[in-house]
Amino acid sequence: MTLELRRFLYLDSRGINSLHSQLSEFSEKERRDSEQKKKSTSGKGRLSLKIFSGILNATGETELTKTSDSETQTGKTSFKTEEQRLVEIETAISKIALLELKIVTVGKLAKISVESLPMFIKGKLPFTVKGSSDIDIVREINNAQFITFELDQSSLLEGFSLWPRILMGGSLSKFKDSQETGNGKWRIGLTSHLGIMLREFQIRPHNFGIFGQVQQTGSSLYIKPYAIWV
């Protein structure tokens, strides 16, 4: 499997590993069900009942057996990084459905129509970093231990007001260039590359690559990210 070259800002390792395990267990269950169905038909035709065909590989031919830290594949054991597992998850999810944002304009209002939430989303969208104007954004993030992004409306639909608004956020500890300071606290260096980028992202939008799950929270749509890249 060829990995897409991505520079990750944020990677939720625990969330990725958990989702990968769930999909692996589901794939194994579907494989056993399919085997049982094949036996019950006494060889009269082949049944393909898997919702995910080869959910954790691109060819759909390799059977996977879940172990605690690796997948056993035709007698071989391969240890996978979070990035590799993320690619496998994205491949599997794309075989079901990824969220499509349908925008309907009425006057000067652009309304986002979304059905069947929560739903996974992957793609590039223009976001800015949310923060107050009277404090340095990096200091504010270090205090909050959280980074919040908001979808930039003007980059999508000039002259329209977008509703509902779309937010995205993640714990500071899951950002790749953050540093642990002790007592469960993390920080971004004030002059670090990430700190400089975040100040830039507060001023003007940037097209972030994202893979996450969209949920409805009050009057807003919220993206729980598994990965954010630039």
Protein backbone atom coordinates (compact mmCIF):
# COMPACT_ATOMS: atom_id res chain seq x y z
CA MET A 1 0.00 0.00 0.00
CA THR A 2 1.46 3.39 -1.00
CA LEU A 3 1.26 6.00 1.73
CA GLU A 4 0.17 9.49 0.79
CA LEU A 5 2.83 12.01 1.76
CA ARG A 6 1.23 14.23 4.37
CA ARG A 7 2.67 16.55 6.97
CA PHE A 8 0.54 15.90 10.01
CA LEU A 9 -0.19 18.69 12.47
CA TYR A 10 -2.51 16.55 14.55
CA LEU A 11 -2.78 12.81 15.00
CA ASP A 12 -5.16 11.14 17.46
CA SER A 13 -3.21 7.91 17.95
CA ARG A 14 -5.59 6.43 20.52
CA GLY A 15 -8.64 7.21 18.39
CA ILE A 16 -7.00 5.80 15.24
CA ASN A 17 -5.96 2.57 16.95
CA SER A 18 -9.41 2.16 18.50
CA LEU A 19 -11.21 2.69 15.18
CA HIS A 20 -8.78 0.37 13.41
CA SER A 21 -9.48 -2.36 15.98
CA GLN A 22 -13.25 -1.95 15.57
CA LEU A 23 -13.00 -2.23 11.79
CA SER A 24 -10.66 -5.21 12.08
CA GLU A 25 -13.10 -7.02 14.40
CA PHE A 26 -15.98 -6.22 12.07
CA SER A 27 -14.01 -7.52 9.08
CA GLU A 28 -13.21 -10.76 10.89
CA LYS A 29 -16.88 -11.23 11.85
CA GLU A 30 -17.98 -10.64 8.26
CA ARG A 31 -15.36 -13.12 7.06
CA ARG A 32 -16.64 -15.82 9.44
CA ASP A 33 -20.25 -15.12 8.47
CA SER A 34 -19.32 -15.36 4.80
CA GLU A 35 -17.48 -18.65 5.38
CA GLN A 36 -20.53 -20.05 7.18
CA LYS A 37 -22.84 -18.96 4.38
CA LYS A 38 -20.57 -20.58 1.80
CA LYS A 39 -20.71 -23.87 3.67
CA SER A 40 -24.49 -23.72 3.94
CA THR A 41 -24.85 -23.34 0.15
CA SER A 42 -22.92 -26.60 -0.48
CA GLY A 43 -20.81 -24.93 -3.13
CA LYS A 44 -23.75 -23.65 -5.18
CA GLY A 45 -22.32 -20.29 -6.13
CA ARG A 46 -20.19 -17.88 -4.12
CA LEU A 47 -21.67 -15.43 -1.67
CA SER A 48 -20.18 -12.01 -1.07
CA LEU A 49 -21.90 -10.58 1.97
CA LYS A 50 -19.13 -8.37 3.30
CA ILE A 51 -20.07 -4.75 3.81
CA PHE A 52 -16.35 -4.00 3.68
CA SER A 53 -14.61 -6.09 1.03
CA GLY A 54 -11.12 -6.58 2.41
CA ILE A 55 -11.75 -3.75 4.84
CA LEU A 56 -8.13 -3.45 5.86
CA ASN A 57 -6.43 -3.97 2.53
CA ALA A 58 -6.89 -2.59 -0.94
CA THR A 59 -7.15 -5.89 -2.83
CA GLY A 60 -9.88 -7.52 -0.77
CA GLU A 61 -8.02 -10.87 -0.88
CA THR A 62 -6.06 -11.01 2.37
CA GLU A 63 -7.69 -12.35 5.52
CA LEU A 64 -6.76 -10.48 8.68
CA THR A 65 -6.60 -11.82 12.20
CA LYS A 66 -6.55 -9.26 14.99
CA THR A 67 -3.78 -9.39 17.58
CA SER A 68 -2.96 -6.91 20.31
CA ASP A 69 -0.25 -4.97 18.48
CA SER A 70 -0.22 -6.26 14.92
CA GLU A 71 -2.10 -7.92 12.09
CA THR A 72 -1.12 -11.48 11.14
CA GLN A 73 -1.15 -11.66 7.37
CA THR A 74 -0.67 -15.03 5.60
CA GLY A 75 1.82 -16.15 8.24
CA LYS A 76 3.63 -12.81 8.49
CA THR A 77 3.44 -10.32 11.33
CA SER A 78 3.66 -6.65 10.39
CA PHE A 79 3.68 -3.82 12.90
CA LYS A 80 1.90 -0.75 11.64
CA THR A 81 2.30 2.91 12.43
CA GLU A 82 -0.66 5.18 13.12
CA GLU A 83 -0.18 6.67 9.65
CA GLN A 84 -0.49 3.23 8.01
CA ARG A 85 -3.56 2.39 10.07
CA LEU A 86 -5.07 5.75 9.18
CA VAL A 87 -4.70 4.99 5.45
CA GLU A 88 -6.39 1.61 5.94
CA ILE A 89 -9.24 3.25 7.88
CA GLU A 90 -9.72 5.89 5.18
CA THR A 91 -9.78 3.20 2.49
CA ALA A 92 -12.35 1.20 4.43
CA ILE A 93 -14.57 4.18 5.22
CA SER A 94 -14.54 5.33 1.59
CA LYS A 95 -16.23 2.04 0.65
CA ILE A 96 -19.22 2.94 2.82
CA ALA A 97 -19.86 6.66 2.66
CA LEU A 98 -18.09 9.92 3.27
CA LEU A 99 -20.00 13.05 4.13
CA GLU A 100 -21.04 15.30 1.27
CA LEU A 101 -21.90 18.84 2.28
CA LYS A 102 -24.89 20.01 0.26
CA ILE A 103 -25.18 23.79 0.22
CA VAL A 104 -28.50 25.41 -0.64
CA THR A 105 -28.57 29.19 -1.10
CA VAL A 106 -31.63 31.21 -0.12
CA GLY A 107 -31.16 34.94 -0.54
CA LYS A 108 -27.89 35.72 1.21
CA LEU A 109 -28.05 32.62 3.40
CA ALA A 110 -26.17 29.47 2.43
CA LYS A 111 -27.55 26.52 4.36
CA ILE A 112 -25.60 23.28 4.77
CA SER A 113 -27.80 20.21 4.44
CA VAL A 114 -26.42 17.17 6.25
CA GLU A 115 -28.15 13.85 6.82
CA SER A 116 -27.41 10.77 8.94
CA LEU A 117 -24.99 12.29 11.43
CA PRO A 118 -22.54 11.36 12.80
CA MET A 119 -20.69 10.79 9.54
CA PHE A 120 -17.02 10.57 8.53
CA ILE A 121 -15.45 13.27 6.40
CA LYS A 122 -12.14 13.46 4.51
CA GLY A 123 -10.87 16.26 2.34
CA LYS A 124 -9.46 19.76 2.38
CA LEU A 125 -11.41 22.67 3.81
CA PRO A 126 -10.44 26.28 4.60
CA PHE A 127 -10.20 26.87 8.36
CA THR A 128 -8.91 29.66 10.58
CA VAL A 129 -7.71 29.27 14.16
CA LYS A 130 -10.18 30.76 16.64
CA GLY A 131 -8.86 33.04 19.34
CA SER A 132 -9.34 36.39 21.01
CA SER A 133 -7.75 39.50 19.56
CA ASP A 134 -6.27 40.80 22.81
CA ILE A 135 -3.94 37.91 23.66
CA ASP A 136 -1.29 36.05 21.67
CA ILE A 137 -2.95 32.98 20.13
CA VAL A 138 -0.13 30.63 21.19
CA ARG A 139 -0.32 31.77 24.82
CA GLU A 140 -4.10 31.39 24.69
CA ILE A 141 -3.80 27.84 23.31
CA ASN A 142 -1.23 26.89 25.95
CA ASN A 143 -3.60 28.10 28.65
CA ALA A 144 -6.64 26.34 27.15
CA GLN A 145 -4.75 23.12 26.25
CA PHE A 146 -6.99 22.99 23.17
CA ILE A 147 -7.00 24.39 19.64
CA THR A 148 -10.28 25.36 17.96
CA PHE A 149 -10.69 25.95 14.23
CA GLU A 150 -13.63 27.50 12.38
CA LEU A 151 -14.55 26.99 8.74
CA ASP A 152 -13.89 30.16 6.76
CA GLN A 153 -17.13 31.12 5.04
CA SER A 154 -15.71 33.65 2.60
CA SER A 155 -13.36 31.07 1.08
CA LEU A 156 -16.32 28.87 0.12
CA LEU A 157 -19.15 31.24 -0.74
CA GLU A 158 -18.31 34.87 -1.25
CA GLY A 159 -21.17 37.18 -0.28
CA PHE A 160 -23.14 34.52 1.57
CA SER A 161 -23.59 33.82 5.25
CA LEU A 162 -23.03 30.11 5.93
CA TRP A 163 -25.26 28.23 8.38
CA PRO A 164 -24.73 26.28 10.49
CA ARG A 165 -21.14 27.16 11.22
CA ILE A 166 -18.57 24.36 11.27
CA LEU A 167 -16.03 24.05 14.08
CA MET A 168 -13.16 21.64 14.60
CA GLY A 169 -10.90 21.18 17.58
CA GLY A 170 -8.42 18.95 19.29
CA SER A 171 -6.40 18.55 22.46
CA LEU A 172 -3.02 20.25 22.46
CA SER A 173 -1.36 16.96 23.49
CA LYS A 174 -2.27 15.42 20.11
CA PHE A 175 -0.57 18.09 18.02
CA LYS A 176 2.69 16.75 16.65
CA ASP A 177 5.01 19.59 17.70
CA SER A 178 3.62 20.15 21.19
CA GLN A 179 5.81 19.38 24.20
CA GLU A 180 4.86 17.82 27.53
CA THR A 181 5.71 20.01 30.50
CA GLY A 182 4.53 17.73 33.33
CA ASN A 183 1.36 17.43 35.41
CA GLY A 184 -0.57 16.45 32.28
CA LYS A 185 0.15 19.82 30.63
CA TRP A 186 1.44 20.47 27.12
CA ARG A 187 2.73 23.57 25.41
CA ILE A 188 3.69 25.03 22.05
CA GLY A 189 6.87 27.07 21.92
CA LEU A 190 6.18 30.75 21.35
CA THR A 191 8.77 30.87 18.57
CA SER A 192 8.31 27.28 17.34
CA HIS A 193 7.36 26.53 13.74
CA LEU A 194 3.88 25.39 14.84
CA GLY A 195 3.42 28.54 16.92
CA ILE A 196 4.33 30.75 13.95
CA MET A 197 1.96 28.81 11.68
CA LEU A 198 -0.93 29.09 14.15
CA ARG A 199 -0.52 32.87 14.27
CA GLU A 200 -0.67 32.90 10.49
CA PHE A 201 -3.73 30.63 10.46
CA GLN A 202 -5.53 33.02 12.83
CA ILE A 203 -5.07 35.90 10.40
CA ARG A 204 -5.94 34.13 7.16
CA PRO A 205 -7.57 30.76 6.28
CA HIS A 206 -5.60 27.71 5.24
CA ASN A 207 -6.77 24.61 3.38
CA PHE A 208 -6.28 21.89 5.96
CA GLY A 209 -6.47 18.23 5.09
CA ILE A 210 -8.75 16.51 7.59
CA PHE A 211 -10.12 13.09 8.41
CA GLY A 212 -12.70 13.06 11.16
CA GLN A 213 -16.27 12.56 12.23
CA VAL A 214 -18.93 15.25 11.91
CA GLN A 215 -21.38 15.64 14.75
CA GLN A 216 -24.20 18.07 15.54
CA THR A 217 -23.49 20.13 18.65
CA GLY A 218 -26.21 22.64 19.40
CA SER A 219 -26.53 25.03 16.47
CA SER A 220 -23.13 24.09 15.01
CA LEU A 221 -21.55 21.19 13.17
CA TYR A 222 -18.44 19.92 14.92
CA ILE A 223 -15.65 17.88 13.37
CA LYS A 224 -13.91 15.51 15.76
CA PRO A 225 -10.59 15.03 13.95
CA TYR A 226 -8.54 11.87 13.80
CA ALA A 227 -5.91 13.61 11.68
CA ILE A 228 -5.18 17.13 10.44
CA TRP A 229 -2.44 17.81 7.89
CA VAL A 230 -1.09 20.62 5.75
